[in-house]
All heavy atoms as atom14 arrays in JSON, in Angstrom:
{
  "sequence": "AIITAGGSGMGAEAAKRLAADGFKVAILSSSGKGEALATELGGIG",
  "atom14_mask": [
    [1, 1, 1, 1, 1, 0, 0, 0, 0, 0, 0, 0, 0, 0],
    [1, 1, 1, 1, 1, 1, 1, 1, 0, 0, 0, 0, 0, 0],
    [1, 1, 1, 1, 1, 1, 1, 1, 0, 0, 0, 0, 0, 0],
    [1, 1, 1, 1, 1, 1, 1, 0, 0, 0, 0, 0, 0, 0],
    [1, 1, 1, 1, 1, 0, 0, 0, 0, 0, 0, 0, 0, 0],
    [1, 1, 1, 1, 0, 0, 0, 0, 0, 0, 0, 0, 0, 0],
    [1, 1, 1, 1, 0, 0, 0, 0, 0, 0, 0, 0, 0, 0],
    [1, 1, 1, 1, 1, 1, 0, 0, 0, 0, 0, 0, 0, 0],
    [1, 1, 1, 1, 0, 0, 0, 0, 0, 0, 0, 0, 0, 0],
    [1, 1, 1, 1, 1, 1, 1, 1, 0, 0, 0, 0, 0, 0],
    [1, 1, 1, 1, 0, 0, 0, 0, 0, 0, 0, 0, 0, 0],
    [1, 1, 1, 1, 1, 0, 0, 0, 0, 0, 0, 0, 0, 0],
    [1, 1, 1, 1, 1, 1, 1, 1, 1, 0, 0, 0, 0, 0],
    [1, 1, 1, 1, 1, 0, 0, 0, 0, 0, 0, 0, 0, 0],
    [1, 1, 1, 1, 1, 0, 0, 0, 0, 0, 0, 0, 0, 0],
    [1, 1, 1, 1, 1, 1, 1, 1, 1, 0, 0, 0, 0, 0],
    [1, 1, 1, 1, 1, 1, 1, 1, 1, 1, 1, 0, 0, 0],
    [1, 1, 1, 1, 1, 1, 1, 1, 0, 0, 0, 0, 0, 0],
    [1, 1, 1, 1, 1, 0, 0, 0, 0, 0, 0, 0, 0, 0],
    [1, 1, 1, 1, 1, 0, 0, 0, 0, 0, 0, 0, 0, 0],
    [1, 1, 1, 1, 1, 1, 1, 1, 0, 0, 0, 0, 0, 0],
    [1, 1, 1, 1, 0, 0, 0, 0, 0, 0, 0, 0, 0, 0],
    [1, 1, 1, 1, 1, 1, 1, 1, 1, 1, 1, 0, 0, 0],
    [1, 1, 1, 1, 1, 1, 1, 1, 1, 0, 0, 0, 0, 0],
    [1, 1, 1, 1, 1, 1, 1, 0, 0, 0, 0, 0, 0, 0],
    [1, 1, 1, 1, 1, 0, 0, 0, 0, 0, 0, 0, 0, 0],
    [1, 1, 1, 1, 1, 1, 1, 1, 0, 0, 0, 0, 0, 0],
    [1, 1, 1, 1, 1, 1, 1, 1, 0, 0, 0, 0, 0, 0],
    [1, 1, 1, 1, 1, 1, 0, 0, 0, 0, 0, 0, 0, 0],
    [1, 1, 1, 1, 1, 1, 0, 0, 0, 0, 0, 0, 0, 0],
    [1, 1, 1, 1, 1, 1, 0, 0, 0, 0, 0, 0, 0, 0],
    [1, 1, 1, 1, 0, 0, 0, 0, 0, 0, 0, 0, 0, 0],
    [1, 1, 1, 1, 1, 1, 1, 1, 1, 0, 0, 0, 0, 0],
    [1, 1, 1, 1, 0, 0, 0, 0, 0, 0, 0, 0, 0, 0],
    [1, 1, 1, 1, 1, 1, 1, 1, 1, 0, 0, 0, 0, 0],
    [1, 1, 1, 1, 1, 0, 0, 0, 0, 0, 0, 0, 0, 0],
    [1, 1, 1, 1, 1, 1, 1, 1, 0, 0, 0, 0, 0, 0],
    [1, 1, 1, 1, 1, 0, 0, 0, 0, 0, 0, 0, 0, 0],
    [1, 1, 1, 1, 1, 1, 1, 0, 0, 0, 0, 0, 0, 0],
    [1, 1, 1, 1, 1, 1, 1, 1, 1, 0, 0, 0, 0, 0],
    [1, 1, 1, 1, 1, 1, 1, 1, 0, 0, 0, 0, 0, 0],
    [1, 1, 1, 1, 0, 0, 0, 0, 0, 0, 0, 0, 0, 0],
    [1, 1, 1, 1, 0, 0, 0, 0, 0, 0, 0, 0, 0, 0],
    [1, 1, 1, 1, 1, 1, 1, 1, 0, 0, 0, 0, 0, 0],
    [1, 1, 1, 1, 0, 0, 0, 0, 0, 0, 0, 0, 0, 0]
  ],
  "atom14_positions": [
    [[10.91, 3.39, -49.47], [11.23, 4.13, -48.31], [10.22, 3.89, -47.28], [9.03, 3.87, -47.48], [11.28, 5.62, -48.64], [0.0, 0.0, 0.0], [0.0, 0.0, 0.0], [0.0, 0.0, 0.0], [0.0, 0.0, 0.0], [0.0, 0.0, 0.0], [0.0, 0.0, 0.0], [0.0, 0.0, 0.0], [0.0, 0.0, 0.0], [0.0, 0.0, 0.0]],
    [[10.72, 3.69, -45.97], [9.82, 3.63, -44.81], [9.93, 4.96, -44.05], [11.03, 5.46, -43.86], [10.26, 2.46, -43.9], [9.84, 1.14, -44.49], [9.69, 2.6, -42.46], [10.25, -0.02, -43.64], [0.0, 0.0, 0.0], [0.0, 0.0, 0.0], [0.0, 0.0, 0.0], [0.0, 0.0, 0.0], [0.0, 0.0, 0.0], [0.0, 0.0, 0.0]],
    [[8.84, 5.47, -43.59], [8.83, 6.69, -42.86], [8.03, 6.43, -41.51], [6.84, 6.03, -41.59], [8.1, 7.86, -43.54], [8.86, 8.12, -44.93], [8.17, 9.16, -42.76], [8.21, 7.43, -46.07], [0.0, 0.0, 0.0], [0.0, 0.0, 0.0], [0.0, 0.0, 0.0], [0.0, 0.0, 0.0], [0.0, 0.0, 0.0], [0.0, 0.0, 0.0]],
    [[8.7, 6.63, -40.42], [8.0, 6.39, -39.12], [7.51, 7.82, -38.63], [8.09, 8.79, -38.96], [8.91, 5.74, -38.06], [9.98, 6.64, -37.71], [9.46, 4.49, -38.64], [0.0, 0.0, 0.0], [0.0, 0.0, 0.0], [0.0, 0.0, 0.0], [0.0, 0.0, 0.0], [0.0, 0.0, 0.0], [0.0, 0.0, 0.0], [0.0, 0.0, 0.0]],
    [[6.5, 7.78, -37.81], [5.84, 9.04, -37.36], [5.55, 9.94, -38.56], [5.83, 11.13, -38.54], [6.72, 9.75, -36.32], [0.0, 0.0, 0.0], [0.0, 0.0, 0.0], [0.0, 0.0, 0.0], [0.0, 0.0, 0.0], [0.0, 0.0, 0.0], [0.0, 0.0, 0.0], [0.0, 0.0, 0.0], [0.0, 0.0, 0.0], [0.0, 0.0, 0.0]],
    [[4.94, 9.28, -39.55], [4.76, 9.99, -40.81], [3.4, 10.46, -41.11], [3.05, 10.73, -42.28], [0.0, 0.0, 0.0], [0.0, 0.0, 0.0], [0.0, 0.0, 0.0], [0.0, 0.0, 0.0], [0.0, 0.0, 0.0], [0.0, 0.0, 0.0], [0.0, 0.0, 0.0], [0.0, 0.0, 0.0], [0.0, 0.0, 0.0], [0.0, 0.0, 0.0]],
    [[2.57, 10.59, -40.08], [1.18, 11.02, -40.3], [0.95, 12.45, -40.46], [-0.02, 12.9, -41.03], [0.0, 0.0, 0.0], [0.0, 0.0, 0.0], [0.0, 0.0, 0.0], [0.0, 0.0, 0.0], [0.0, 0.0, 0.0], [0.0, 0.0, 0.0], [0.0, 0.0, 0.0], [0.0, 0.0, 0.0], [0.0, 0.0, 0.0], [0.0, 0.0, 0.0]],
    [[1.9, 13.27, -39.97], [1.75, 14.76, -40.05], [3.12, 15.44, -39.9], [4.15, 14.74, -39.73], [0.87, 15.22, -38.85], [1.35, 14.89, -37.59], [0.0, 0.0, 0.0], [0.0, 0.0, 0.0], [0.0, 0.0, 0.0], [0.0, 0.0, 0.0], [0.0, 0.0, 0.0], [0.0, 0.0, 0.0], [0.0, 0.0, 0.0], [0.0, 0.0, 0.0]],
    [[3.15, 16.72, -40.1], [4.37, 17.47, -39.9], [5.45, 17.08, -40.83], [5.24, 16.77, -42.01], [0.0, 0.0, 0.0], [0.0, 0.0, 0.0], [0.0, 0.0, 0.0], [0.0, 0.0, 0.0], [0.0, 0.0, 0.0], [0.0, 0.0, 0.0], [0.0, 0.0, 0.0], [0.0, 0.0, 0.0], [0.0, 0.0, 0.0], [0.0, 0.0, 0.0]],
    [[6.68, 17.1, -40.32], [7.89, 16.81, -41.17], [7.89, 15.44, -41.73], [8.33, 15.16, -42.79], [9.18, 17.18, -40.35], [9.31, 18.62, -40.13], [10.82, 19.0, -39.2], [10.28, 18.7, -37.48], [0.0, 0.0, 0.0], [0.0, 0.0, 0.0], [0.0, 0.0, 0.0], [0.0, 0.0, 0.0], [0.0, 0.0, 0.0], [0.0, 0.0, 0.0]],
    [[7.43, 14.43, -40.92], [7.34, 13.05, -41.35], [6.47, 12.94, -42.59], [6.82, 12.29, -43.57], [0.0, 0.0, 0.0], [0.0, 0.0, 0.0], [0.0, 0.0, 0.0], [0.0, 0.0, 0.0], [0.0, 0.0, 0.0], [0.0, 0.0, 0.0], [0.0, 0.0, 0.0], [0.0, 0.0, 0.0], [0.0, 0.0, 0.0], [0.0, 0.0, 0.0]],
    [[5.31, 13.54, -42.52], [4.35, 13.45, -43.68], [4.91, 14.15, -44.84], [4.8, 13.67, -46.02], [2.97, 14.08, -43.26], [0.0, 0.0, 0.0], [0.0, 0.0, 0.0], [0.0, 0.0, 0.0], [0.0, 0.0, 0.0], [0.0, 0.0, 0.0], [0.0, 0.0, 0.0], [0.0, 0.0, 0.0], [0.0, 0.0, 0.0], [0.0, 0.0, 0.0]],
    [[5.6, 15.25, -44.68], [6.19, 16.03, -45.8], [7.28, 15.18, -46.45], [7.49, 15.19, -47.72], [6.72, 17.37, -45.35], [5.68, 18.43, -45.17], [4.93, 18.78, -46.5], [5.58, 18.77, -47.54], [3.72, 19.04, -46.41], [0.0, 0.0, 0.0], [0.0, 0.0, 0.0], [0.0, 0.0, 0.0], [0.0, 0.0, 0.0], [0.0, 0.0, 0.0]],
    [[8.1, 14.48, -45.64], [9.15, 13.63, -46.13], [8.51, 12.51, -46.97], [9.07, 12.14, -47.99], [9.99, 13.03, -44.98], [0.0, 0.0, 0.0], [0.0, 0.0, 0.0], [0.0, 0.0, 0.0], [0.0, 0.0, 0.0], [0.0, 0.0, 0.0], [0.0, 0.0, 0.0], [0.0, 0.0, 0.0], [0.0, 0.0, 0.0], [0.0, 0.0, 0.0]],
    [[7.48, 11.97, -46.5], [6.79, 10.83, -47.28], [6.29, 11.36, -48.63], [6.47, 10.73, -49.67], [5.62, 10.31, -46.48], [0.0, 0.0, 0.0], [0.0, 0.0, 0.0], [0.0, 0.0, 0.0], [0.0, 0.0, 0.0], [0.0, 0.0, 0.0], [0.0, 0.0, 0.0], [0.0, 0.0, 0.0], [0.0, 0.0, 0.0], [0.0, 0.0, 0.0]],
    [[5.73, 12.58, -48.62], [5.21, 13.11, -49.86], [6.44, 13.42, -50.8], [6.33, 13.17, -52.07], [4.45, 14.46, -49.57], [3.2, 14.25, -48.88], [2.57, 15.55, -48.53], [1.34, 15.45, -47.59], [0.86, 16.82, -47.21], [0.0, 0.0, 0.0], [0.0, 0.0, 0.0], [0.0, 0.0, 0.0], [0.0, 0.0, 0.0], [0.0, 0.0, 0.0]],
    [[7.49, 13.89, -50.31], [8.61, 14.28, -51.13], [9.29, 13.04, -51.71], [9.61, 12.96, -52.93], [9.67, 15.1, -50.35], [10.94, 15.4, -51.1], [10.67, 16.19, -52.39], [11.83, 16.33, -53.2], [12.6, 17.43, -53.26], [12.23, 18.51, -52.64], [13.68, 17.49, -53.99], [0.0, 0.0, 0.0], [0.0, 0.0, 0.0], [0.0, 0.0, 0.0]],
    [[9.38, 12.01, -50.87], [9.99, 10.74, -51.4], [9.18, 10.06, -52.42], [9.65, 9.5, -53.42], [10.35, 9.86, -50.27], [11.46, 10.26, -49.34], [11.51, 9.46, -48.06], [12.83, 10.28, -50.04], [0.0, 0.0, 0.0], [0.0, 0.0, 0.0], [0.0, 0.0, 0.0], [0.0, 0.0, 0.0], [0.0, 0.0, 0.0], [0.0, 0.0, 0.0]],
    [[7.85, 10.14, -52.17], [6.95, 9.55, -53.24], [7.08, 10.33, -54.53], [7.08, 9.81, -55.63], [5.48, 9.62, -52.69], [0.0, 0.0, 0.0], [0.0, 0.0, 0.0], [0.0, 0.0, 0.0], [0.0, 0.0, 0.0], [0.0, 0.0, 0.0], [0.0, 0.0, 0.0], [0.0, 0.0, 0.0], [0.0, 0.0, 0.0], [0.0, 0.0, 0.0]],
    [[7.18, 11.67, -54.45], [7.38, 12.51, -55.64], [8.71, 12.15, -56.32], [8.87, 12.27, -57.6], [7.33, 13.96, -55.34], [0.0, 0.0, 0.0], [0.0, 0.0, 0.0], [0.0, 0.0, 0.0], [0.0, 0.0, 0.0], [0.0, 0.0, 0.0], [0.0, 0.0, 0.0], [0.0, 0.0, 0.0], [0.0, 0.0, 0.0], [0.0, 0.0, 0.0]],
    [[9.7, 11.76, -55.56], [11.02, 11.37, -56.09], [11.01, 10.0, -56.73], [11.96, 9.55, -57.27], [12.07, 11.34, -54.9], [12.4, 12.72, -54.47], [12.07, 13.73, -55.14], [13.03, 12.9, -53.35], [0.0, 0.0, 0.0], [0.0, 0.0, 0.0], [0.0, 0.0, 0.0], [0.0, 0.0, 0.0], [0.0, 0.0, 0.0], [0.0, 0.0, 0.0]],
    [[9.87, 9.29, -56.63], [9.79, 7.97, -57.24], [9.87, 6.81, -56.28], [9.83, 5.65, -56.76], [0.0, 0.0, 0.0], [0.0, 0.0, 0.0], [0.0, 0.0, 0.0], [0.0, 0.0, 0.0], [0.0, 0.0, 0.0], [0.0, 0.0, 0.0], [0.0, 0.0, 0.0], [0.0, 0.0, 0.0], [0.0, 0.0, 0.0], [0.0, 0.0, 0.0]],
    [[9.88, 7.09, -54.99], [9.89, 5.98, -54.0], [8.53, 5.42, -53.74], [7.57, 6.17, -53.69], [10.5, 6.46, -52.71], [11.98, 6.66, -52.61], [12.57, 7.87, -53.03], [12.77, 5.62, -52.16], [13.91, 8.05, -53.01], [14.15, 5.82, -52.11], [14.75, 6.97, -52.55], [0.0, 0.0, 0.0], [0.0, 0.0, 0.0], [0.0, 0.0, 0.0]],
    [[8.45, 4.1, -53.61], [7.29, 3.52, -52.96], [7.4, 3.77, -51.46], [8.51, 3.63, -50.91], [7.17, 2.04, -53.26], [7.18, 1.67, -54.73], [5.95, 2.22, -55.43], [5.91, 1.78, -56.9], [4.72, 2.32, -57.57], [0.0, 0.0, 0.0], [0.0, 0.0, 0.0], [0.0, 0.0, 0.0], [0.0, 0.0, 0.0], [0.0, 0.0, 0.0]],
    [[6.29, 4.17, -50.81], [6.41, 4.49, -49.37], [5.54, 3.65, -48.46], [4.46, 3.26, -48.87], [6.03, 6.03, -49.2], [7.06, 6.96, -49.92], [4.63, 6.31, -49.69], [0.0, 0.0, 0.0], [0.0, 0.0, 0.0], [0.0, 0.0, 0.0], [0.0, 0.0, 0.0], [0.0, 0.0, 0.0], [0.0, 0.0, 0.0], [0.0, 0.0, 0.0]],
    [[6.14, 3.38, -47.31], [5.47, 2.7, -46.27], [5.5, 3.6, -45.03], [6.57, 4.04, -44.64], [5.97, 1.3, -46.01], [0.0, 0.0, 0.0], [0.0, 0.0, 0.0], [0.0, 0.0, 0.0], [0.0, 0.0, 0.0], [0.0, 0.0, 0.0], [0.0, 0.0, 0.0], [0.0, 0.0, 0.0], [0.0, 0.0, 0.0], [0.0, 0.0, 0.0]],
    [[4.35, 3.89, -44.52], [4.23, 4.91, -43.39], [3.69, 4.34, -42.15], [2.65, 3.63, -42.15], [3.37, 6.09, -43.89], [3.92, 6.7, -45.19], [3.32, 7.19, -42.81], [3.02, 7.75, -45.86], [0.0, 0.0, 0.0], [0.0, 0.0, 0.0], [0.0, 0.0, 0.0], [0.0, 0.0, 0.0], [0.0, 0.0, 0.0], [0.0, 0.0, 0.0]],
    [[4.37, 4.62, -41.03], [3.82, 4.31, -39.71], [3.42, 5.58, -38.96], [4.12, 6.56, -38.97], [4.94, 3.6, -38.9], [4.56, 3.29, -37.4], [3.7, 2.03, -37.39], [5.82, 3.07, -36.54], [0.0, 0.0, 0.0], [0.0, 0.0, 0.0], [0.0, 0.0, 0.0], [0.0, 0.0, 0.0], [0.0, 0.0, 0.0], [0.0, 0.0, 0.0]],
    [[2.23, 5.54, -38.43], [1.77, 6.66, -37.5], [0.82, 6.13, -36.53], [0.14, 5.15, -36.75], [1.17, 7.81, -38.29], [-0.2, 7.51, -38.67], [0.0, 0.0, 0.0], [0.0, 0.0, 0.0], [0.0, 0.0, 0.0], [0.0, 0.0, 0.0], [0.0, 0.0, 0.0], [0.0, 0.0, 0.0], [0.0, 0.0, 0.0], [0.0, 0.0, 0.0]],
    [[0.71, 6.82, -35.4], [-0.13, 6.41, -34.29], [-1.61, 6.9, -34.47], [-2.5, 6.36, -33.83], [0.42, 6.78, -32.9], [0.57, 8.23, -32.87], [0.0, 0.0, 0.0], [0.0, 0.0, 0.0], [0.0, 0.0, 0.0], [0.0, 0.0, 0.0], [0.0, 0.0, 0.0], [0.0, 0.0, 0.0], [0.0, 0.0, 0.0], [0.0, 0.0, 0.0]],
    [[-1.78, 7.93, -35.3], [-3.02, 8.52, -35.45], [-3.97, 7.95, -36.5], [-5.17, 8.26, -36.49], [-2.85, 10.02, -35.79], [-2.31, 10.11, -37.09], [0.0, 0.0, 0.0], [0.0, 0.0, 0.0], [0.0, 0.0, 0.0], [0.0, 0.0, 0.0], [0.0, 0.0, 0.0], [0.0, 0.0, 0.0], [0.0, 0.0, 0.0], [0.0, 0.0, 0.0]],
    [[-3.39, 7.18, -37.44], [-4.19, 6.74, -38.58], [-4.03, 7.58, -39.76], [-4.34, 7.15, -40.86], [0.0, 0.0, 0.0], [0.0, 0.0, 0.0], [0.0, 0.0, 0.0], [0.0, 0.0, 0.0], [0.0, 0.0, 0.0], [0.0, 0.0, 0.0], [0.0, 0.0, 0.0], [0.0, 0.0, 0.0], [0.0, 0.0, 0.0], [0.0, 0.0, 0.0]],
    [[-3.46, 8.78, -39.56], [-3.23, 9.71, -40.7], [-2.25, 9.09, -41.62], [-2.26, 9.37, -42.84], [-2.79, 11.1, -40.18], [-3.83, 11.8, -39.41], [-3.32, 13.14, -38.91], [-4.29, 13.94, -38.15], [-3.77, 15.15, -37.63], [0.0, 0.0, 0.0], [0.0, 0.0, 0.0], [0.0, 0.0, 0.0], [0.0, 0.0, 0.0], [0.0, 0.0, 0.0]],
    [[-1.23, 8.34, -41.13], [-0.19, 7.73, -41.96], [-0.83, 6.71, -42.94], [-0.37, 6.71, -44.07], [0.0, 0.0, 0.0], [0.0, 0.0, 0.0], [0.0, 0.0, 0.0], [0.0, 0.0, 0.0], [0.0, 0.0, 0.0], [0.0, 0.0, 0.0], [0.0, 0.0, 0.0], [0.0, 0.0, 0.0], [0.0, 0.0, 0.0], [0.0, 0.0, 0.0]],
    [[-1.8, 5.98, -42.49], [-2.49, 5.01, -43.4], [-3.18, 5.81, -44.51], [-3.05, 5.4, -45.66], [-3.46, 4.13, -42.61], [-2.8, 2.99, -41.89], [-3.82, 1.89, -41.54], [-4.41, 1.33, -42.46], [-3.94, 1.62, -40.31], [0.0, 0.0, 0.0], [0.0, 0.0, 0.0], [0.0, 0.0, 0.0], [0.0, 0.0, 0.0], [0.0, 0.0, 0.0]],
    [[-3.84, 6.84, -44.17], [-4.58, 7.64, -45.14], [-3.61, 8.2, -46.19], [-3.88, 8.21, -47.39], [-5.41, 8.74, -44.5], [0.0, 0.0, 0.0], [0.0, 0.0, 0.0], [0.0, 0.0, 0.0], [0.0, 0.0, 0.0], [0.0, 0.0, 0.0], [0.0, 0.0, 0.0], [0.0, 0.0, 0.0], [0.0, 0.0, 0.0], [0.0, 0.0, 0.0]],
    [[-2.56, 8.82, -45.7], [-1.52, 9.42, -46.53], [-0.87, 8.34, -47.43], [-0.73, 8.57, -48.67], [-0.5, 10.1, -45.75], [0.65, 10.78, -46.57], [0.15, 11.83, -47.53], [1.71, 11.35, -45.63], [0.0, 0.0, 0.0], [0.0, 0.0, 0.0], [0.0, 0.0, 0.0], [0.0, 0.0, 0.0], [0.0, 0.0, 0.0], [0.0, 0.0, 0.0]],
    [[-0.58, 7.19, -46.86], [-0.01, 6.16, -47.7], [-0.92, 5.7, -48.84], [-0.49, 5.45, -49.97], [0.31, 4.89, -46.78], [0.0, 0.0, 0.0], [0.0, 0.0, 0.0], [0.0, 0.0, 0.0], [0.0, 0.0, 0.0], [0.0, 0.0, 0.0], [0.0, 0.0, 0.0], [0.0, 0.0, 0.0], [0.0, 0.0, 0.0], [0.0, 0.0, 0.0]],
    [[-2.2, 5.57, -48.55], [-3.17, 5.24, -49.56], [-3.22, 6.3, -50.69], [-3.22, 5.91, -51.88], [-4.56, 5.06, -48.98], [-4.55, 4.08, -48.02], [-5.66, 4.76, -50.0], [0.0, 0.0, 0.0], [0.0, 0.0, 0.0], [0.0, 0.0, 0.0], [0.0, 0.0, 0.0], [0.0, 0.0, 0.0], [0.0, 0.0, 0.0], [0.0, 0.0, 0.0]],
    [[-3.17, 7.51, -50.3], [-3.12, 8.63, -51.24], [-1.89, 8.6, -52.11], [-1.92, 8.98, -53.34], [-3.16, 9.98, -50.45], [-3.07, 11.19, -51.27], [-2.94, 12.49, -50.37], [-3.59, 12.43, -49.32], [-2.24, 13.44, -50.8], [0.0, 0.0, 0.0], [0.0, 0.0, 0.0], [0.0, 0.0, 0.0], [0.0, 0.0, 0.0], [0.0, 0.0, 0.0]],
    [[-0.76, 8.12, -51.56], [0.52, 8.13, -52.3], [0.71, 6.73, -52.94], [1.82, 6.57, -53.57], [1.64, 8.39, -51.36], [1.64, 9.79, -50.66], [2.77, 9.91, -49.64], [1.75, 10.92, -51.67], [0.0, 0.0, 0.0], [0.0, 0.0, 0.0], [0.0, 0.0, 0.0], [0.0, 0.0, 0.0], [0.0, 0.0, 0.0], [0.0, 0.0, 0.0]],
    [[-0.23, 5.91, -52.91], [-0.11, 4.56, -53.52], [0.86, 3.59, -52.77], [1.43, 2.64, -53.38], [0.0, 0.0, 0.0], [0.0, 0.0, 0.0], [0.0, 0.0, 0.0], [0.0, 0.0, 0.0], [0.0, 0.0, 0.0], [0.0, 0.0, 0.0], [0.0, 0.0, 0.0], [0.0, 0.0, 0.0], [0.0, 0.0, 0.0], [0.0, 0.0, 0.0]],
    [[0.95, 3.82, -51.47], [1.9, 3.0, -50.68], [1.03, 2.14, -49.64], [-0.09, 1.87, -49.82], [0.0, 0.0, 0.0], [0.0, 0.0, 0.0], [0.0, 0.0, 0.0], [0.0, 0.0, 0.0], [0.0, 0.0, 0.0], [0.0, 0.0, 0.0], [0.0, 0.0, 0.0], [0.0, 0.0, 0.0], [0.0, 0.0, 0.0], [0.0, 0.0, 0.0]],
    [[1.75, 1.84, -48.58], [1.1, 1.07, -47.48], [1.32, 1.78, -46.17], [2.3, 2.46, -45.95], [1.6, -0.43, -47.4], [3.15, -0.44, -47.15], [1.3, -1.17, -48.64], [3.74, -1.78, -46.97], [0.0, 0.0, 0.0], [0.0, 0.0, 0.0], [0.0, 0.0, 0.0], [0.0, 0.0, 0.0], [0.0, 0.0, 0.0], [0.0, 0.0, 0.0]],
    [[0.28, 1.67, -45.32], [0.38, 2.29, -43.99], [0.04, 1.4, -42.88], [-0.77, 0.45, -43.05], [0.0, 0.0, 0.0], [0.0, 0.0, 0.0], [0.0, 0.0, 0.0], [0.0, 0.0, 0.0], [0.0, 0.0, 0.0], [0.0, 0.0, 0.0], [0.0, 0.0, 0.0], [0.0, 0.0, 0.0], [0.0, 0.0, 0.0], [0.0, 0.0, 0.0]]
  ]
}
C-alpha cells in the first residue's frame, strides 16, 4: 500500500492500520514524519 500525506493525522493512522492488516507500506509526506513512520512500520518513506 502507498499512502500519500501520511506523516500525521488520518493518513498516518491509515498507514498504521494497513501495516497491521499485513500490508507493506510506502509513505509520502512533506514533513519527514512519513519517513520516520515508514521505518517504524518496516516500510519505505
